[in-house]
PDB file of N, CA and C in Angstrom:
ATOM      1  N   MET A   1     -11.631  28.276  13.402  1.00  0.00           N
ATOM      2  CA  MET A   1     -10.960  28.947  12.637  1.00  0.00           C
ATOM      3  C   MET A   1      -9.433  29.323  13.633  1.00  0.00           C
ATOM      4  N   LEU A   2      -8.490  28.818  12.928  1.00  0.00           N
ATOM      5  CA  LEU A   2      -6.849  28.604  13.548  1.00  0.00           C
ATOM      6  C   LEU A   2      -6.311  29.636  13.583  1.00  0.00           C
ATOM      7  N   LEU A   3      -6.561  31.199  13.071  1.00  0.00           N
ATOM      8  CA  LEU A   3      -6.424  32.190  12.640  1.00  0.00           C
ATOM      9  C   LEU A   3      -6.566  32.887  13.828  1.00  0.00           C
ATOM     10  N   THR A   4      -5.298  33.556  14.930  1.00  0.00           N
ATOM     11  CA  THR A   4      -5.792  34.470  15.980  1.00  0.00           C
ATOM     12  C   THR A   4      -6.710  35.695  15.131  1.00  0.00           C
ATOM     13  N   LYS A   5      -7.424  36.018  16.398  1.00  0.00           N
ATOM     14  CA  LYS A   5      -8.177  37.466  15.877  1.00  0.00           C
ATOM     15  C   LYS A   5      -7.275  38.210  15.185  1.00  0.00           C
ATOM     16  N   GLU A   6      -6.233  38.388  15.954  1.00  0.00           N
ATOM     17  CA  GLU A   6      -5.146  39.745  15.615  1.00  0.00           C
ATOM     18  C   GLU A   6      -5.106  39.341  14.813  1.00  0.00           C
ATOM     19  N   GLU A   7      -4.538  38.047  13.642  1.00  0.00           N
ATOM     20  CA  GLU A   7      -3.994  37.596  12.752  1.00  0.00           C
ATOM     21  C   GLU A   7      -5.298  37.919  11.307  1.00  0.00           C
ATOM     22  N   LEU A   8      -6.193  37.430  11.712  1.00  0.00           N
ATOM     23  CA  LEU A   8      -7.155  37.811  10.630  1.00  0.00           C
ATOM     24  C   LEU A   8      -7.605  38.817  10.442  1.00  0.00           C
ATOM     25  N   ARG A   9      -7.835  39.905  11.582  1.00  0.00           N
ATOM     26  CA  ARG A   9      -7.592  41.545  11.217  1.00  0.00           C
ATOM     27  C   ARG A   9      -6.333  42.482  10.400  1.00  0.00           C
ATOM     28  N   SER A  10      -5.774  41.345  10.929  1.00  0.00           N
ATOM     29  CA  SER A  10      -4.766  42.134   9.615  1.00  0.00           C
ATOM     30  C   SER A  10      -4.692  40.952   8.035  1.00  0.00           C
ATOM     31  N   LEU A  11      -5.519  39.805   8.428  1.00  0.00           N
ATOM     32  CA  LEU A  11      -5.551  40.233   6.036  1.00  0.00           C
ATOM     33  C   LEU A  11      -6.364  40.623   6.164  1.00  0.00           C
ATOM     34  N   VAL A  12      -7.930  40.270   6.936  1.00  0.00           N
ATOM     35  CA  VAL A  12      -8.898  41.742   6.703  1.00  0.00           C
ATOM     36  C   VAL A  12      -8.845  43.446   5.817  1.00  0.00           C
ATOM     37  N   GLU A  13      -7.812  43.653   6.934  1.00  0.00           N
ATOM     38  CA  GLU A  13      -7.834  44.524   6.526  1.00  0.00           C
ATOM     39  C   GLU A  13      -6.555  45.252   5.374  1.00  0.00           C
ATOM     40  N   LEU A  14      -6.167  44.308   5.292  1.00  0.00           N
ATOM     41  CA  LEU A  14      -4.359  44.490   4.411  1.00  0.00           C
ATOM     42  C   LEU A  14      -3.577  44.812   5.074  1.00  0.00           C
ATOM     43  N   THR A  15      -2.880  44.623   6.168  1.00  0.00           N
ATOM     44  CA  THR A  15      -2.252  45.193   6.975  1.00  0.00           C
ATOM     45  C   THR A  15      -0.938  44.267   6.545  1.00  0.00           C
ATOM     46  N   HIS A  16      -1.704  43.272   6.413  1.00  0.00           N
ATOM     47  CA  HIS A  16      -0.228  41.764   7.520  1.00  0.00           C
ATOM     48  C   HIS A  16       1.296  42.236   6.598  1.00  0.00           C
ATOM     49  N   GLN A  17       2.259  41.925   7.178  1.00  0.00           N
ATOM     50  CA  GLN A  17       2.936  42.923   6.792  1.00  0.00           C
ATOM     51  C   GLN A  17       4.067  41.419   5.876  1.00  0.00           C
ATOM     52  N   SER A  18       3.069  39.809   5.969  1.00  0.00           N
ATOM     53  CA  SER A  18       3.451  39.028   5.143  1.00  0.00           C
ATOM     54  C   SER A  18       2.636  37.683   5.106  1.00  0.00           C
ATOM     55  N   PRO A  19       1.910  38.193   4.703  1.00  0.00           N
ATOM     56  CA  PRO A  19       0.086  37.211   4.348  1.00  0.00           C
ATOM     57  C   PRO A  19      -0.305  36.378   3.333  1.00  0.00           C
ATOM     58  N   HIS A  20       1.184  35.880   2.772  1.00  0.00           N
ATOM     59  CA  HIS A  20       1.816  34.217   2.339  1.00  0.00           C
ATOM     60  C   HIS A  20       2.211  33.545   3.965  1.00  0.00           C
ATOM     61  N   SER A  21       2.739  34.061   4.485  1.00  0.00           N
ATOM     62  CA  SER A  21       2.581  32.771   5.913  1.00  0.00           C
ATOM     63  C   SER A  21       1.662  32.761   5.782  1.00  0.00           C
ATOM     64  N   LEU A  22       0.234  33.361   5.884  1.00  0.00           N
ATOM     65  CA  LEU A  22      -0.823  32.969   6.540  1.00  0.00           C
ATOM     66  C   LEU A  22      -1.801  32.436   5.538  1.00  0.00           C
ATOM     67  N   LEU A  23      -1.974  32.514   4.617  1.00  0.00           N
ATOM     68  CA  LEU A  23      -2.882  32.249   2.671  1.00  0.00           C
ATOM     69  C   LEU A  23      -2.031  31.584   2.533  1.00  0.00           C
ATOM     70  N   GLY A  24      -2.321  29.780   1.476  1.00  0.00           N
ATOM     71  CA  GLY A  24      -1.841  29.146   0.274  1.00  0.00           C
ATOM     72  C   GLY A  24      -1.715  28.209   1.576  1.00  0.00           C
ATOM     73  N   MET A  25      -1.037  26.819   1.274  1.00  0.00           N
ATOM     74  CA  MET A  25      -0.905  26.375   2.158  1.00  0.00           C
ATOM     75  C   MET A  25       0.173  25.782   2.873  1.00  0.00           C
ATOM     76  N   GLN A  26      -0.593  25.591   3.881  1.00  0.00           N
ATOM     77  CA  GLN A  26       0.757  24.922   5.580  1.00  0.00           C
ATOM     78  C   GLN A  26       0.409  23.976   5.865  1.00  0.00           C
ATOM     79  N   PRO A  27       1.669  23.979   6.717  1.00  0.00           N
ATOM     80  CA  PRO A  27       1.350  22.486   7.599  1.00  0.00           C
ATOM     81  C   PRO A  27       1.125  22.758   9.014  1.00  0.00           C
ATOM     82  N   LEU A  28       0.163  22.099   9.335  1.00  0.00           N
ATOM     83  CA  LEU A  28      -0.280  22.082  10.697  1.00  0.00           C
ATOM     84  C   LEU A  28       1.245  22.273  12.121  1.00  0.00           C
ATOM     85  N   GLY A  29       1.229  23.118  13.151  1.00  0.00           N
ATOM     86  CA  GLY A  29       1.884  22.755  14.278  1.00  0.00           C
ATOM     87  C   GLY A  29       2.649  21.955  14.396  1.00  0.00           C
ATOM     88  N   ASP A  30       2.098  20.765  14.473  1.00  0.00           N
ATOM     89  CA  ASP A  30       2.097  19.445  15.323  1.00  0.00           C
ATOM     90  C   ASP A  30       2.287  18.173  14.089  1.00  0.00           C
ATOM     91  N   GLN A  31       2.235  18.968  12.806  1.00  0.00           N
ATOM     92  CA  GLN A  31       2.795  18.179  11.761  1.00  0.00           C
ATOM     93  C   GLN A  31       1.432  16.584  11.674  1.00  0.00           C
ATOM     94  N   SER A  32       0.024  17.373  12.086  1.00  0.00           N
ATOM     95  CA  SER A  32      -1.033  16.453  11.935  1.00  0.00           C
ATOM     96  C   SER A  32      -1.314  16.696  10.557  1.00  0.00           C
ATOM     97  N   GLY A  33      -1.657  17.782  10.256  1.00  0.00           N
ATOM     98  CA  GLY A  33      -2.101  17.703   9.060  1.00  0.00           C
ATOM     99  C   GLY A  33      -1.702  19.043   8.459  1.00  0.00           C
ATOM    100  N   ILE A  34      -2.652  19.729   7.107  1.00  0.00           N
ATOM    101  CA  ILE A  34      -1.787  20.609   7.110  1.00  0.00           C
ATOM    102  C   ILE A  34      -3.656  21.385   6.723  1.00  0.00           C
ATOM    103  N   VAL A  35      -3.054  22.852   6.489  1.00  0.00           N
ATOM    104  CA  VAL A  35      -4.572  23.662   6.438  1.00  0.00           C
ATOM    105  C   VAL A  35      -4.108  25.099   5.319  1.00  0.00           C
ATOM    106  N   VAL A  36      -5.466  25.724   3.913  1.00  0.00           N
ATOM    107  CA  VAL A  36      -5.364  25.669   3.443  1.00  0.00           C
ATOM    108  C   VAL A  36      -6.262  27.239   3.079  1.00  0.00           C
ATOM    109  N   ARG A  37      -5.769  28.431   3.494  1.00  0.00           N
ATOM    110  CA  ARG A  37      -6.346  29.997   3.533  1.00  0.00           C
ATOM    111  C   ARG A  37      -6.444  30.253   2.082  1.00  0.00           C
ATOM    112  N   ALA A  38      -7.408  30.495   1.864  1.00  0.00           N
ATOM    113  CA  ALA A  38      -7.233  31.715   0.773  1.00  0.00           C
ATOM    114  C   ALA A  38      -8.415  33.630   0.816  1.00  0.00           C
ATOM    115  N   LEU A  39      -8.174  33.732   0.288  1.00  0.00           N
ATOM    116  CA  LEU A  39      -8.621  35.394   0.253  1.00  0.00           C
ATOM    117  C   LEU A  39      -8.286  35.458  -0.857  1.00  0.00           C
ATOM    118  N   LEU A  40     -10.725  35.416  -0.782  1.00  0.00           N
ATOM    119  CA  LEU A  40     -11.001  35.442  -2.533  1.00  0.00           C
ATOM    120  C   LEU A  40     -12.554  35.767  -2.304  1.00  0.00           C
ATOM    121  N   PRO A  41     -12.428  37.240  -2.435  1.00  0.00           N
ATOM    122  CA  PRO A  41     -13.502  38.504  -2.077  1.00  0.00           C
ATOM    123  C   PRO A  41     -14.815  38.213  -3.013  1.00  0.00           C
ATOM    124  N   ASP A  42     -14.404  37.400  -3.753  1.00  0.00           N
ATOM    125  CA  ASP A  42     -15.633  37.142  -4.833  1.00  0.00           C
ATOM    126  C   ASP A  42     -15.798  35.608  -4.973  1.00  0.00           C
ATOM    127  N   ALA A  43     -15.548  34.562  -4.316  1.00  0.00           N
ATOM    128  CA  ALA A  43     -15.841  33.509  -3.838  1.00  0.00           C
ATOM    129  C   ALA A  43     -17.298  32.771  -3.138  1.00  0.00           C
ATOM    130  N   ASP A  44     -17.901  32.434  -3.777  1.00  0.00           N
ATOM    131  CA  ASP A  44     -19.079  31.610  -2.490  1.00  0.00           C
ATOM    132  C   ASP A  44     -18.579  30.607  -1.980  1.00  0.00           C
ATOM    133  N   GLN A  45     -18.235  29.441  -2.667  1.00  0.00           N
ATOM    134  CA  GLN A  45     -17.264  28.275  -2.063  1.00  0.00           C
ATOM    135  C   GLN A  45     -15.622  27.786  -3.062  1.00  0.00           C
ATOM    136  N   VAL A  46     -14.895  27.258  -2.271  1.00  0.00           N
ATOM    137  CA  VAL A  46     -14.172  27.292  -2.597  1.00  0.00           C
ATOM    138  C   VAL A  46     -13.804  25.665  -2.263  1.00  0.00           C
ATOM    139  N   GLU A  47     -13.156  25.264  -2.939  1.00  0.00           N
ATOM    140  CA  GLU A  47     -12.332  23.167  -2.868  1.00  0.00           C
ATOM    141  C   GLU A  47     -11.064  23.091  -3.260  1.00  0.00           C
ATOM    142  N   VAL A  48      -9.997  22.319  -1.835  1.00  0.00           N
ATOM    143  CA  VAL A  48      -9.079  22.637  -2.756  1.00  0.00           C
ATOM    144  C   VAL A  48      -8.855  20.917  -3.581  1.00  0.00           C
ATOM    145  N   ARG A  49      -8.575  20.503  -4.902  1.00  0.00           N
ATOM    146  CA  ARG A  49      -8.434  19.635  -5.538  1.00  0.00           C
ATOM    147  C   ARG A  49      -7.055  19.275  -5.843  1.00  0.00           C
ATOM    148  N   PRO A  50      -6.422  18.261  -5.168  1.00  0.00           N
ATOM    149  CA  PRO A  50      -4.922  18.610  -5.446  1.00  0.00           C
ATOM    150  C   PRO A  50      -5.295  18.007  -7.013  1.00  0.00           C
ATOM    151  N   VAL A  51      -4.238  18.243  -8.578  1.00  0.00           N
ATOM    152  CA  VAL A  51      -4.154  18.271 -10.043  1.00  0.00           C
ATOM    153  C   VAL A  51      -3.246  17.791 -10.338  1.00  0.00           C
ATOM    154  N   HIS A  52      -2.062  17.444  -9.569  1.00  0.00           N
ATOM    155  CA  HIS A  52      -0.409  16.668 -10.449  1.00  0.00           C
ATOM    156  C   HIS A  52      -0.600  15.204  -9.779  1.00  0.00           C
ATOM    157  N   GLU A  53      -1.124  15.310  -8.253  1.00  0.00           N
ATOM    158  CA  GLU A  53      -1.322  13.938  -7.311  1.00  0.00           C
ATOM    159  C   GLU A  53      -2.446  13.955  -6.713  1.00  0.00           C
ATOM    160  N   LYS A  54      -3.087  12.673  -8.050  1.00  0.00           N
ATOM    161  CA  LYS A  54      -4.886  12.000  -7.595  1.00  0.00           C
ATOM    162  C   LYS A  54      -4.435  11.767  -6.650  1.00  0.00           C
ATOM    163  N   GLY A  55      -3.628  11.087  -6.137  1.00  0.00           N
ATOM    164  CA  GLY A  55      -4.302  10.289  -4.248  1.00  0.00           C
ATOM    165  C   GLY A  55      -4.477  11.189  -3.427  1.00  0.00           C
ATOM    166  N   ARG A  56      -4.178  12.260  -3.516  1.00  0.00           N
ATOM    167  CA  ARG A  56      -4.113  13.275  -2.915  1.00  0.00           C
ATOM    168  C   ARG A  56      -5.757  13.738  -2.494  1.00  0.00           C
ATOM    169  N   PRO A  57      -5.581  13.941  -1.078  1.00  0.00           N
ATOM    170  CA  PRO A  57      -7.617  14.080  -0.785  1.00  0.00           C
ATOM    171  C   PRO A  57      -7.779  15.561  -1.245  1.00  0.00           C
ATOM    172  N   LYS A  58      -9.138  15.830  -1.680  1.00  0.00           N
ATOM    173  CA  LYS A  58      -9.557  16.754  -1.866  1.00  0.00           C
ATOM    174  C   LYS A  58     -11.304  17.685  -0.597  1.00  0.00           C
ATOM    175  N   PHE A  59     -10.406  18.782  -0.217  1.00  0.00           N
ATOM    176  CA  PHE A  59     -11.534  18.949   0.776  1.00  0.00           C
ATOM    177  C   PHE A  59     -12.116  20.795   0.080  1.00  0.00           C
ATOM    178  N   ALA A  60     -13.085  20.626   0.953  1.00  0.00           N
ATOM    179  CA  ALA A  60     -13.147  21.986   1.070  1.00  0.00           C
ATOM    180  C   ALA A  60     -12.949  23.600   2.058  1.00  0.00           C
ATOM    181  N   LEU A  61     -13.163  24.567   1.530  1.00  0.00           N
ATOM    182  CA  LEU A  61     -12.550  25.721   2.942  1.00  0.00           C
ATOM    183  C   LEU A  61     -14.030  26.531   3.348  1.00  0.00           C
ATOM    184  N   LYS A  62     -14.622  26.403   4.461  1.00  0.00           N
ATOM    185  CA  LYS A  62     -15.240  27.099   4.934  1.00  0.00           C
ATOM    186  C   LYS A  62     -14.644  28.543   5.109  1.00  0.00           C
ATOM    187  N   ARG A  63     -16.119  29.644   4.402  1.00  0.00           N
ATOM    188  CA  ARG A  63     -15.249  30.973   4.860  1.00  0.00           C
ATOM    189  C   ARG A  63     -15.561  31.172   6.339  1.00  0.00           C
ATOM    190  N   ILE A  64     -14.620  32.028   7.000  1.00  0.00           N
ATOM    191  CA  ILE A  64     -14.833  32.777   8.382  1.00  0.00           C
ATOM    192  C   ILE A  64     -16.112  33.792   8.034  1.00  0.00           C
ATOM    193  N   PRO A  65     -16.459  33.639   9.246  1.00  0.00           N
ATOM    194  CA  PRO A  65     -17.678  34.484   9.120  1.00  0.00           C
ATOM    195  C   PRO A  65     -17.541  35.934   8.489  1.00  0.00           C
ATOM    196  N   GLY A  66     -18.470  36.607   8.336  1.00  0.00           N
ATOM    197  CA  GLY A  66     -17.693  37.678   7.893  1.00  0.00           C
ATOM    198  C   GLY A  66     -16.929  38.530   6.951  1.00  0.00           C
ATOM    199  N   THR A  67     -15.968  37.423   7.335  1.00  0.00           N
ATOM    200  CA  THR A  67     -14.964  37.874   5.987  1.00  0.00           C
ATOM    201  C   THR A  67     -14.855  37.510   4.994  1.00  0.00           C
ATOM    202  N   ASP A  68     -13.982  37.646   3.380  1.00  0.00           N
ATOM    203  CA  ASP A  68     -13.891  36.541   2.716  1.00  0.00           C
ATOM    204  C   ASP A  68     -12.264  35.546   2.545  1.00  0.00           C
ATOM    205  N   VAL A  69     -12.274  35.105   3.395  1.00  0.00           N
ATOM    206  CA  VAL A  69     -11.305  34.614   3.834  1.00  0.00           C
ATOM    207  C   VAL A  69     -11.558  33.201   4.132  1.00  0.00           C
ATOM    208  N   PHE A  70     -11.384  32.312   3.351  1.00  0.00           N
ATOM    209  CA  PHE A  70     -11.806  31.148   3.573  1.00  0.00           C
ATOM    210  C   PHE A  70     -10.165  29.628   3.969  1.00  0.00           C
ATOM    211  N   GLU A  71     -10.688  28.978   4.767  1.00  0.00           N
ATOM    212  CA  GLU A  71      -9.965  27.991   5.512  1.00  0.00           C
ATOM    213  C   GLU A  71     -10.358  26.919   6.022  1.00  0.00           C
ATOM    214  N   GLY A  72     -10.036  26.053   5.236  1.00  0.00           N
ATOM    215  CA  GLY A  72      -9.738  24.133   5.559  1.00  0.00           C
ATOM    216  C   GLY A  72      -9.079  23.386   6.236  1.00  0.00           C
ATOM    217  N   VAL A  73      -9.313  22.468   6.721  1.00  0.00           N
ATOM    218  CA  VAL A  73      -7.406  21.613   7.176  1.00  0.00           C
ATOM    219  C   VAL A  73      -8.277  20.052   7.070  1.00  0.00           C
ATOM    220  N   THR A  74      -7.086  19.491   6.141  1.00  0.00           N
ATOM    221  CA  THR A  74      -7.264  17.828   6.625  1.00  0.00           C
ATOM    222  C   THR A  74      -5.683  16.989   6.805  1.00  0.00           C
ATOM    223  N   THR A  75      -6.328  16.002   7.756  1.00  0.00           N
ATOM    224  CA  THR A  75      -5.546  15.240   8.472  1.00  0.00           C
ATOM    225  C   THR A  75      -5.490  14.215   7.431  1.00  0.00           C
ATOM    226  N   LEU A  76      -6.087  14.272   6.500  1.00  0.00           N
ATOM    227  CA  LEU A  76      -5.341  13.213   5.034  1.00  0.00           C
ATOM    228  C   LEU A  76      -3.915  13.188   4.228  1.00  0.00           C
ATOM    229  N   ALA A  77      -3.463  14.426   4.971  1.00  0.00           N
ATOM    230  CA  ALA A  77      -2.449  15.179   4.266  1.00  0.00           C
ATOM    231  C   ALA A  77      -1.308  15.359   5.783  1.00  0.00           C
ATOM    232  N   ASN A  78       0.222  14.669   5.755  1.00  0.00           N
ATOM    233  CA  ASN A  78       0.579  16.195   6.936  1.00  0.00           C
ATOM    234  C   ASN A  78       1.872  16.882   5.898  1.00  0.00           C
ATOM    235  N   ALA A  79       2.848  17.035   4.862  1.00  0.00           N
ATOM    236  CA  ALA A  79       2.974  17.583   4.153  1.00  0.00           C
ATOM    237  C   ALA A  79       2.513  18.418   3.281  1.00  0.00           C
ATOM    238  N   VAL A  80       3.524  19.223   2.650  1.00  0.00           N
ATOM    239  CA  VAL A  80       3.180  20.382   1.542  1.00  0.00           C
ATOM    240  C   VAL A  80       3.833  19.697   0.816  1.00  0.00           C
ATOM    241  N   TYR A  81       3.839  19.641  -0.104  1.00  0.00           N
ATOM    242  CA  TYR A  81       4.893  19.427  -1.816  1.00  0.00           C
ATOM    243  C   TYR A  81       4.263  20.330  -2.627  1.00  0.00           C
ATOM    244  N   ALA A  82       5.449  20.778  -3.229  1.00  0.00           N
ATOM    245  CA  ALA A  82       5.635  21.574  -4.059  1.00  0.00           C
ATOM    246  C   ALA A  82       6.242  20.672  -5.601  1.00  0.00           C
ATOM    247  N   THR A  83       5.612  21.294  -6.364  1.00  0.00           N
ATOM    248  CA  THR A  83       6.374  20.948  -7.745  1.00  0.00           C
ATOM    249  C   THR A  83       6.790  21.816  -8.407  1.00  0.00           C
ATOM    250  N   ILE A  84       8.220  21.870  -8.881  1.00  0.00           N
ATOM    251  CA  ILE A  84       8.662  22.378  -9.545  1.00  0.00           C
ATOM    252  C   ILE A  84       9.272  22.106 -11.325  1.00  0.00           C
ATOM    253  N   TRP A  85       8.932  23.570 -12.017  1.00  0.00           N
ATOM    254  CA  TRP A  85       8.536  23.253 -13.952  1.00  0.00           C
ATOM    255  C   TRP A  85      10.056  23.901 -14.057  1.00  0.00           C
TER     256      TRP A  85
END
């Protein structure tokens, strides 16, 4: 888990002032990869699959025990790309 205990608690308790800064796709601080987090109460398993860029890696997110927060890291990509429509 890359989140601090305080960050995780604030997500689980829905008290974080800016949850989008922790959820979604984020570059790792050292630029060695990306981390993806999602808060999905009804999910059993979660997998990230690129839709528009088929060459990008797919990878599973693992549930942080005792929470509805899923987190996964890949070093096969090191930047977050956004497609603007």
